[in-house]
Amino acid sequence: MQRADILATAAEYVTRDRAATHGDADDSFTELGRVWGARLGVSIAPHQVSIMLADLKSVRAWHNPEHIDNWVDGAGYYACGGEIATGGSS
């Protein structure tokens, strides 16, 4: 798969209405940050959640680089995090 295809697929995933299934990304990442933060005893911001989810995909890609889902999802998590961090979701 070419890089443009990976980014186009990630764009499709993060721009279609997934809120009905997964909830709003900002809300979901905020809640996940609260849960992780409570477990770890630290504060985790929503944009940091997206980085950590992308880290998961990085680890998976490291061990299974041919599985395109890891690359697509990683790009999508960074896009969501960038939107949250820059206030683009408002």
PDB file of N, CA and C in Angstrom:
ATOM      1  N   MET A   1       0.859  -1.173   0.000  1.00  0.00           N
ATOM      2  CA  MET A   1       0.000   0.000   0.000  1.00  0.00           C
ATOM      3  C   MET A   1       0.905   1.237   0.000  1.00  0.00           C
ATOM      4  N   GLN A   2       0.562   2.216  -0.796  1.00  0.00           N
ATOM      5  CA  GLN A   2       1.349   3.443  -0.873  1.00  0.00           C
ATOM      6  C   GLN A   2       0.960   4.410   0.238  1.00  0.00           C
ATOM      7  N   ARG A   3       1.884   5.323   0.585  1.00  0.00           N
ATOM      8  CA  ARG A   3       1.646   6.253   1.700  1.00  0.00           C
ATOM      9  C   ARG A   3       0.380   7.074   1.517  1.00  0.00           C
ATOM     10  N   ALA A   4       0.104   7.491   0.281  1.00  0.00           N
ATOM     11  CA  ALA A   4      -1.124   8.263   0.044  1.00  0.00           C
ATOM     12  C   ALA A   4      -2.356   7.428   0.355  1.00  0.00           C
ATOM     13  N   ASP A   5      -2.285   6.139   0.051  1.00  0.00           N
ATOM     14  CA  ASP A   5      -3.408   5.241   0.340  1.00  0.00           C
ATOM     15  C   ASP A   5      -3.586   5.041   1.850  1.00  0.00           C
ATOM     16  N   ILE A   6      -2.468   4.931   2.567  1.00  0.00           N
ATOM     17  CA  ILE A   6      -2.537   4.789   4.016  1.00  0.00           C
ATOM     18  C   ILE A   6      -3.196   6.023   4.621  1.00  0.00           C
ATOM     19  N   LEU A   7      -2.740   7.213   4.186  1.00  0.00           N
ATOM     20  CA  LEU A   7      -3.310   8.446   4.723  1.00  0.00           C
ATOM     21  C   LEU A   7      -4.766   8.630   4.317  1.00  0.00           C
ATOM     22  N   ALA A   8      -5.109   8.256   3.089  1.00  0.00           N
ATOM     23  CA  ALA A   8      -6.498   8.378   2.640  1.00  0.00           C
ATOM     24  C   ALA A   8      -7.411   7.450   3.445  1.00  0.00           C
ATOM     25  N   THR A   9      -6.925   6.247   3.710  1.00  0.00           N
ATOM     26  CA  THR A   9      -7.717   5.307   4.496  1.00  0.00           C
ATOM     27  C   THR A   9      -7.880   5.826   5.926  1.00  0.00           C
ATOM     28  N   ALA A  10      -6.793   6.338   6.504  1.00  0.00           N
ATOM     29  CA  ALA A  10      -6.886   6.911   7.852  1.00  0.00           C
ATOM     30  C   ALA A  10      -7.854   8.088   7.861  1.00  0.00           C
ATOM     31  N   ALA A  11      -7.783   8.928   6.835  1.00  0.00           N
ATOM     32  CA  ALA A  11      -8.700  10.075   6.752  1.00  0.00           C
ATOM     33  C   ALA A  11     -10.142   9.608   6.678  1.00  0.00           C
ATOM     34  N   GLU A  12     -10.383   8.570   5.919  1.00  0.00           N
ATOM     35  CA  GLU A  12     -11.745   8.027   5.824  1.00  0.00           C
ATOM     36  C   GLU A  12     -12.220   7.540   7.191  1.00  0.00           C
ATOM     37  N   TYR A  13     -11.355   6.847   7.906  1.00  0.00           N
ATOM     38  CA  TYR A  13     -11.727   6.307   9.212  1.00  0.00           C
ATOM     39  C   TYR A  13     -12.021   7.398  10.229  1.00  0.00           C
ATOM     40  N   VAL A  14     -11.210   8.457  10.246  1.00  0.00           N
ATOM     41  CA  VAL A  14     -11.375   9.471  11.288  1.00  0.00           C
ATOM     42  C   VAL A  14     -12.369  10.557  10.923  1.00  0.00           C
ATOM     43  N   THR A  15     -12.809  10.618   9.661  1.00  0.00           N
ATOM     44  CA  THR A  15     -13.755  11.661   9.278  1.00  0.00           C
ATOM     45  C   THR A  15     -15.179  11.156   9.117  1.00  0.00           C
ATOM     46  N   ARG A  16     -15.373   9.871   8.978  1.00  0.00           N
ATOM     47  CA  ARG A  16     -16.758   9.402   8.911  1.00  0.00           C
ATOM     48  C   ARG A  16     -17.328   9.375  10.316  1.00  0.00           C
ATOM     49  N   ASP A  17     -18.612   9.353  10.395  1.00  0.00           N
ATOM     50  CA  ASP A  17     -19.269   9.473  11.698  1.00  0.00           C
ATOM     51  C   ASP A  17     -19.120   8.181  12.493  1.00  0.00           C
ATOM     52  N   ARG A  18     -18.077   8.136  13.304  1.00  0.00           N
ATOM     53  CA  ARG A  18     -17.857   6.984  14.174  1.00  0.00           C
ATOM     54  C   ARG A  18     -18.370   7.255  15.581  1.00  0.00           C
ATOM     55  N   ALA A  19     -18.840   8.479  15.804  1.00  0.00           N
ATOM     56  CA  ALA A  19     -19.308   8.844  17.140  1.00  0.00           C
ATOM     57  C   ALA A  19     -20.457   7.942  17.591  1.00  0.00           C
ATOM     58  N   ALA A  20     -21.282   7.517  16.656  1.00  0.00           N
ATOM     59  CA  ALA A  20     -22.407   6.659  17.015  1.00  0.00           C
ATOM     60  C   ALA A  20     -21.924   5.338  17.598  1.00  0.00           C
ATOM     61  N   THR A  21     -20.783   4.854  17.118  1.00  0.00           N
ATOM     62  CA  THR A  21     -20.233   3.593  17.589  1.00  0.00           C
ATOM     63  C   THR A  21     -19.285   3.777  18.763  1.00  0.00           C
ATOM     64  N   HIS A  22     -18.377   4.763  18.638  1.00  0.00           N
ATOM     65  CA  HIS A  22     -17.288   4.905  19.610  1.00  0.00           C
ATOM     66  C   HIS A  22     -17.384   6.158  20.475  1.00  0.00           C
ATOM     67  N   GLY A  23     -18.313   7.046  20.178  1.00  0.00           N
ATOM     68  CA  GLY A  23     -18.391   8.318  20.888  1.00  0.00           C
ATOM     69  C   GLY A  23     -17.440   9.332  20.273  1.00  0.00           C
ATOM     70  N   ASP A  24     -17.606  10.582  20.642  1.00  0.00           N
ATOM     71  CA  ASP A  24     -16.746  11.656  20.165  1.00  0.00           C
ATOM     72  C   ASP A  24     -15.311  11.383  20.604  1.00  0.00           C
ATOM     73  N   ALA A  25     -14.342  11.571  19.697  1.00  0.00           N
ATOM     74  CA  ALA A  25     -12.942  11.271  20.011  1.00  0.00           C
ATOM     75  C   ALA A  25     -12.452  12.086  21.191  1.00  0.00           C
ATOM     76  N   ASP A  26     -12.754  13.375  21.216  1.00  0.00           N
ATOM     77  CA  ASP A  26     -12.303  14.222  22.322  1.00  0.00           C
ATOM     78  C   ASP A  26     -12.877  13.722  23.645  1.00  0.00           C
ATOM     79  N   ASP A  27     -14.163  13.397  23.660  1.00  0.00           N
ATOM     80  CA  ASP A  27     -14.791  12.879  24.881  1.00  0.00           C
ATOM     81  C   ASP A  27     -14.198  11.521  25.278  1.00  0.00           C
ATOM     82  N   SER A  28     -14.023  10.643  24.307  1.00  0.00           N
ATOM     83  CA  SER A  28     -13.485   9.310  24.587  1.00  0.00           C
ATOM     84  C   SER A  28     -12.054   9.385  25.104  1.00  0.00           C
ATOM     85  N   PHE A  29     -11.241  10.236  24.473  1.00  0.00           N
ATOM     86  CA  PHE A  29      -9.843  10.354  24.889  1.00  0.00           C
ATOM     87  C   PHE A  29      -9.745  11.025  26.258  1.00  0.00           C
ATOM     88  N   THR A  30     -10.649  11.961  26.541  1.00  0.00           N
ATOM     89  CA  THR A  30     -10.676  12.590  27.860  1.00  0.00           C
ATOM     90  C   THR A  30     -11.000  11.548  28.925  1.00  0.00           C
ATOM     91  N   GLU A  31     -12.021  10.748  28.678  1.00  0.00           N
ATOM     92  CA  GLU A  31     -12.417   9.718  29.640  1.00  0.00           C
ATOM     93  C   GLU A  31     -11.321   8.668  29.803  1.00  0.00           C
ATOM     94  N   LEU A  32     -10.728   8.243  28.704  1.00  0.00           N
ATOM     95  CA  LEU A  32      -9.650   7.254  28.791  1.00  0.00           C
ATOM     96  C   LEU A  32      -8.458   7.827  29.551  1.00  0.00           C
ATOM     97  N   GLY A  33      -8.161   9.106  29.340  1.00  0.00           N
ATOM     98  CA  GLY A  33      -7.095   9.759  30.091  1.00  0.00           C
ATOM     99  C   GLY A  33      -7.376   9.759  31.587  1.00  0.00           C
ATOM    100  N   ARG A  34      -8.637   9.966  31.947  1.00  0.00           N
ATOM    101  CA  ARG A  34      -9.020   9.927  33.368  1.00  0.00           C
ATOM    102  C   ARG A  34      -8.822   8.534  33.964  1.00  0.00           C
ATOM    103  N   VAL A  35      -9.239   7.527  33.211  1.00  0.00           N
ATOM    104  CA  VAL A  35      -9.111   6.151  33.692  1.00  0.00           C
ATOM    105  C   VAL A  35      -7.637   5.776  33.828  1.00  0.00           C
ATOM    106  N   TRP A  36      -6.856   5.995  32.773  1.00  0.00           N
ATOM    107  CA  TRP A  36      -5.426   5.673  32.833  1.00  0.00           C
ATOM    108  C   TRP A  36      -4.742   6.483  33.926  1.00  0.00           C
ATOM    109  N   GLY A  37      -5.092   7.763  34.016  1.00  0.00           N
ATOM    110  CA  GLY A  37      -4.492   8.628  35.024  1.00  0.00           C
ATOM    111  C   GLY A  37      -4.780   8.153  36.435  1.00  0.00           C
ATOM    112  N   ALA A  38      -6.014   7.719  36.679  1.00  0.00           N
ATOM    113  CA  ALA A  38      -6.377   7.209  38.003  1.00  0.00           C
ATOM    114  C   ALA A  38      -5.598   5.939  38.328  1.00  0.00           C
ATOM    115  N   ARG A  39      -5.451   5.084  37.356  1.00  0.00           N
ATOM    116  CA  ARG A  39      -4.717   3.837  37.582  1.00  0.00           C
ATOM    117  C   ARG A  39      -3.235   4.093  37.850  1.00  0.00           C
ATOM    118  N   LEU A  40      -2.683   5.093  37.149  1.00  0.00           N
ATOM    119  CA  LEU A  40      -1.248   5.350  37.245  1.00  0.00           C
ATOM    120  C   LEU A  40      -0.890   6.445  38.250  1.00  0.00           C
ATOM    121  N   GLY A  41      -1.886   7.181  38.722  1.00  0.00           N
ATOM    122  CA  GLY A  41      -1.636   8.258  39.662  1.00  0.00           C
ATOM    123  C   GLY A  41      -0.992   9.479  39.019  1.00  0.00           C
ATOM    124  N   VAL A  42      -1.307   9.704  37.743  1.00  0.00           N
ATOM    125  CA  VAL A  42      -0.787  10.860  37.011  1.00  0.00           C
ATOM    126  C   VAL A  42      -1.925  11.493  36.225  1.00  0.00           C
ATOM    127  N   SER A  43      -1.676  12.665  35.694  1.00  0.00           N
ATOM    128  CA  SER A  43      -2.656  13.319  34.833  1.00  0.00           C
ATOM    129  C   SER A  43      -2.304  13.030  33.376  1.00  0.00           C
ATOM    130  N   ILE A  44      -3.285  12.582  32.606  1.00  0.00           N
ATOM    131  CA  ILE A  44      -3.069  12.284  31.187  1.00  0.00           C
ATOM    132  C   ILE A  44      -4.091  13.072  30.382  1.00  0.00           C
ATOM    133  N   ALA A  45      -3.595  13.972  29.545  1.00  0.00           N
ATOM    134  CA  ALA A  45      -4.444  14.817  28.711  1.00  0.00           C
ATOM    135  C   ALA A  45      -4.958  14.028  27.506  1.00  0.00           C
ATOM    136  N   PRO A  46      -6.082  14.447  26.937  1.00  0.00           N
ATOM    137  CA  PRO A  46      -6.643  13.734  25.784  1.00  0.00           C
ATOM    138  C   PRO A  46      -5.672  13.583  24.617  1.00  0.00           C
ATOM    139  N   HIS A  47      -4.882  14.629  24.321  1.00  0.00           N
ATOM    140  CA  HIS A  47      -3.931  14.493  23.206  1.00  0.00           C
ATOM    141  C   HIS A  47      -2.842  13.474  23.533  1.00  0.00           C
ATOM    142  N   GLN A  48      -2.530  13.322  24.821  1.00  0.00           N
ATOM    143  CA  GLN A  48      -1.546  12.322  25.220  1.00  0.00           C
ATOM    144  C   GLN A  48      -2.099  10.909  25.066  1.00  0.00           C
ATOM    145  N   VAL A  49      -3.393  10.765  25.237  1.00  0.00           N
ATOM    146  CA  VAL A  49      -4.037   9.470  25.002  1.00  0.00           C
ATOM    147  C   VAL A  49      -3.833   9.049  23.548  1.00  0.00           C
ATOM    148  N   SER A  50      -4.011   9.990  22.623  1.00  0.00           N
ATOM    149  CA  SER A  50      -3.831   9.639  21.214  1.00  0.00           C
ATOM    150  C   SER A  50      -2.398   9.199  20.939  1.00  0.00           C
ATOM    151  N   ILE A  51      -1.425   9.845  21.590  1.00  0.00           N
ATOM    152  CA  ILE A  51      -0.026   9.453  21.428  1.00  0.00           C
ATOM    153  C   ILE A  51       0.195   8.043  21.960  1.00  0.00           C
ATOM    154  N   MET A  52      -0.405   7.744  23.102  1.00  0.00           N
ATOM    155  CA  MET A  52      -0.242   6.413  23.682  1.00  0.00           C
ATOM    156  C   MET A  52      -0.918   5.329  22.837  1.00  0.00           C
ATOM    157  N   LEU A  53      -2.055   5.665  22.249  1.00  0.00           N
ATOM    158  CA  LEU A  53      -2.715   4.701  21.355  1.00  0.00           C
ATOM    159  C   LEU A  53      -1.876   4.492  20.098  1.00  0.00           C
ATOM    160  N   ALA A  54      -1.270   5.556  19.596  1.00  0.00           N
ATOM    161  CA  ALA A  54      -0.368   5.426  18.448  1.00  0.00           C
ATOM    162  C   ALA A  54       0.860   4.602  18.831  1.00  0.00           C
ATOM    163  N   ASP A  55       1.321   4.752  20.083  1.00  0.00           N
ATOM    164  CA  ASP A  55       2.433   3.920  20.568  1.00  0.00           C
ATOM    165  C   ASP A  55       2.076   2.440  20.495  1.00  0.00           C
ATOM    166  N   LEU A  56       0.848   2.113  20.865  1.00  0.00           N
ATOM    167  CA  LEU A  56       0.398   0.721  20.769  1.00  0.00           C
ATOM    168  C   LEU A  56       0.516   0.229  19.339  1.00  0.00           C
ATOM    169  N   LYS A  57       0.065   1.066  18.401  1.00  0.00           N
ATOM    170  CA  LYS A  57       0.145   0.674  16.992  1.00  0.00           C
ATOM    171  C   LYS A  57       1.591   0.583  16.520  1.00  0.00           C
ATOM    172  N   SER A  58       2.467   1.434  17.076  1.00  0.00           N
ATOM    173  CA  SER A  58       3.891   1.363  16.732  1.00  0.00           C
ATOM    174  C   SER A  58       4.496   0.029  17.164  1.00  0.00           C
ATOM    175  N   VAL A  59       4.162  -0.391  18.377  1.00  0.00           N
ATOM    176  CA  VAL A  59       4.672  -1.671  18.874  1.00  0.00           C
ATOM    177  C   VAL A  59       4.152  -2.812  18.009  1.00  0.00           C
ATOM    178  N   ARG A  60       2.883  -2.746  17.670  1.00  0.00           N
ATOM    179  CA  ARG A  60       2.320  -3.799  16.824  1.00  0.00           C
ATOM    180  C   ARG A  60       2.960  -3.796  15.438  1.00  0.00           C
ATOM    181  N   ALA A  61       3.201  -2.608  14.881  1.00  0.00           N
ATOM    182  CA  ALA A  61       3.840  -2.515  13.561  1.00  0.00           C
ATOM    183  C   ALA A  61       5.277  -3.019  13.608  1.00  0.00           C
ATOM    184  N   TRP A  62       5.937  -2.802  14.728  1.00  0.00           N
ATOM    185  CA  TRP A  62       7.316  -3.268  14.890  1.00  0.00           C
ATOM    186  C   TRP A  62       7.378  -4.788  14.716  1.00  0.00           C
ATOM    187  N   HIS A  63       6.405  -5.471  15.296  1.00  0.00           N
ATOM    188  CA  HIS A  63       6.397  -6.929  15.277  1.00  0.00           C
ATOM    189  C   HIS A  63       5.654  -7.519  14.083  1.00  0.00           C
ATOM    190  N   ASN A  64       4.812  -6.722  13.457  1.00  0.00           N
ATOM    191  CA  ASN A  64       4.042  -7.210  12.307  1.00  0.00           C
ATOM    192  C   ASN A  64       3.911  -6.080  11.292  1.00  0.00           C
ATOM    193  N   PRO A  65       5.012  -5.697  10.646  1.00  0.00           N
ATOM    194  CA  PRO A  65       5.002  -4.524   9.765  1.00  0.00           C
ATOM    195  C   PRO A  65       4.126  -4.673   8.519  1.00  0.00           C
ATOM    196  N   GLU A  66       3.800  -5.883   8.143  1.00  0.00           N
ATOM    197  CA  GLU A  66       2.970  -6.080   6.954  1.00  0.00           C
ATOM    198  C   GLU A  66       1.489  -5.862   7.225  1.00  0.00           C
ATOM    199  N   HIS A  67       1.102  -5.807   8.485  1.00  0.00           N
ATOM    200  CA  HIS A  67      -0.318  -5.634   8.822  1.00  0.00           C
ATOM    201  C   HIS A  67      -0.674  -4.150   8.712  1.00  0.00           C
ATOM    202  N   ILE A  68      -1.338  -3.789   7.639  1.00  0.00           N
ATOM    203  CA  ILE A  68      -1.567  -2.387   7.292  1.00  0.00           C
ATOM    204  C   ILE A  68      -2.419  -1.647   8.321  1.00  0.00           C
ATOM    205  N   ASP A  69      -3.251  -2.353   9.024  1.00  0.00           N
ATOM    206  CA  ASP A  69      -4.111  -1.743  10.046  1.00  0.00           C
ATOM    207  C   ASP A  69      -3.299  -0.935  11.062  1.00  0.00           C
ATOM    208  N   ASN A  70      -2.130  -1.436  11.422  1.00  0.00           N
ATOM    209  CA  ASN A  70      -1.289  -0.732  12.390  1.00  0.00           C
ATOM    210  C   ASN A  70      -0.861   0.639  11.869  1.00  0.00           C
ATOM    211  N   TRP A  71      -0.502   0.710  10.608  1.00  0.00           N
ATOM    212  CA  TRP A  71      -0.050   1.966  10.005  1.00  0.00           C
ATOM    213  C   TRP A  71      -1.206   2.941   9.840  1.00  0.00           C
ATOM    214  N   VAL A  72      -2.338   2.431   9.383  1.00  0.00           N
ATOM    215  CA  VAL A  72      -3.524   3.271   9.179  1.00  0.00           C
ATOM    216  C   VAL A  72      -4.012   3.833  10.514  1.00  0.00           C
ATOM    217  N   ASP A  73      -4.160   2.962  11.500  1.00  0.00           N
ATOM    218  CA  ASP A  73      -4.653   3.409  12.803  1.00  0.00           C
ATOM    219  C   ASP A  73      -3.684   4.375  13.478  1.00  0.00           C
ATOM    220  N   GLY A  74      -2.383   4.129  13.338  1.00  0.00           N
ATOM    221  CA  GLY A  74      -1.401   5.044  13.905  1.00  0.00           C
ATOM    222  C   GLY A  74      -1.548   6.445  13.336  1.00  0.00           C
ATOM    223  N   ALA A  75      -1.699   6.536  12.023  1.00  0.00           N
ATOM    224  CA  ALA A  75      -1.905   7.836  11.377  1.00  0.00           C
ATOM    225  C   ALA A  75      -3.203   8.477  11.867  1.00  0.00           C
ATOM    226  N   GLY A  76      -4.228   7.679  12.029  1.00  0.00           N
ATOM    227  CA  GLY A  76      -5.509   8.194  12.503  1.00  0.00           C
ATOM    228  C   GLY A  76      -5.443   8.709  13.928  1.00  0.00           C
ATOM    229  N   TYR A  77      -4.737   7.983  14.797  1.00  0.00           N
ATOM    230  CA  TYR A  77      -4.606   8.447  16.185  1.00  0.00           C
ATOM    231  C   TYR A  77      -3.841   9.759  16.261  1.00  0.00           C
ATOM    232  N   TYR A  78      -2.790   9.895  15.453  1.00  0.00           N
ATOM    233  CA  TYR A  78      -2.054  11.164  15.436  1.00  0.00           C
ATOM    234  C   TYR A  78      -2.921  12.299  14.907  1.00  0.00           C
ATOM    235  N   ALA A  79      -3.731  12.011  13.908  1.00  0.00           N
ATOM    236  CA  ALA A  79      -4.629  13.055  13.363  1.00  0.00           C
ATOM    237  C   ALA A  79      -5.634  13.507  14.424  1.00  0.00           C
ATOM    238  N   CYS A  80      -6.208  12.546  15.129  1.00  0.00           N
ATOM    239  CA  CYS A  80      -7.164  12.896  16.195  1.00  0.00           C
ATOM    240  C   CYS A  80      -6.469  13.692  17.295  1.00  0.00           C
ATOM    241  N   GLY A  81      -5.288  13.283  17.681  1.00  0.00           N
ATOM    242  CA  GLY A  81      -4.545  13.984  18.716  1.00  0.00           C
ATOM    243  C   GLY A  81      -4.177  15.405  18.296  1.00  0.00           C
ATOM    244  N   GLY A  82      -3.760  15.557  17.051  1.00  0.00           N
ATOM    245  CA  GLY A  82      -3.445  16.885  16.558  1.00  0.00           C
ATOM    246  C   GLY A  82      -4.645  17.817  16.560  1.00  0.00           C
ATOM    247  N   GLU A  83      -5.791  17.258  16.185  1.00  0.00           N
ATOM    248  CA  GLU A  83      -7.028  18.054  16.198  1.00  0.00           C
ATOM    249  C   GLU A  83      -7.389  18.472  17.626  1.00  0.00           C
ATOM    250  N   ILE A  84      -7.292  17.538  18.544  1.00  0.00           N
ATOM    251  CA  ILE A  84      -7.615  17.830  19.939  1.00  0.00           C
ATOM    252  C   ILE A  84      -6.641  18.863  20.502  1.00  0.00           C
ATOM    253  N   ALA A  85      -5.343  18.663  20.259  1.00  0.00           N
ATOM    254  CA  ALA A  85      -4.317  19.549  20.823  1.00  0.00           C
ATOM    255  C   ALA A  85      -4.400  20.971  20.297  1.00  0.00           C
ATOM    256  N   THR A  86      -4.851  21.127  19.050  1.00  0.00           N
ATOM    257  CA  THR A  86      -4.887  22.456  18.448  1.00  0.00           C
ATOM    258  C   THR A  86      -6.269  23.096  18.504  1.00  0.00           C
ATOM    259  N   GLY A  87      -7.221  22.406  19.128  1.00  0.00           N
ATOM    260  CA  GLY A  87      -8.569  22.961  19.230  1.00  0.00           C
ATOM    261  C   GLY A  87      -9.357  22.871  17.955  1.00  0.00           C
ATOM    262  N   GLY A  88      -8.916  22.050  17.023  1.00  0.00           N
ATOM    263  CA  GLY A  88      -9.592  21.916  15.744  1.00  0.00           C
ATOM    264  C   GLY A  88     -10.931  21.211  15.809  1.00  0.00           C
ATOM    265  N   SER A  89     -11.208  20.529  16.927  1.00  0.00           N
ATOM    266  CA  SER A  89     -12.472  19.799  17.031  1.00  0.00           C
ATOM    267  C   SER A  89     -13.613  20.696  17.513  1.00  0.00           C
ATOM    268  N   SER A  90     -13.293  21.906  17.925  1.00  0.00           N
ATOM    269  CA  SER A  90     -14.333  22.807  18.441  1.00  0.00           C
ATOM    270  C   SER A  90     -15.145  23.404  17.316  1.00  0.00           C
TER     271      SER A  90
END
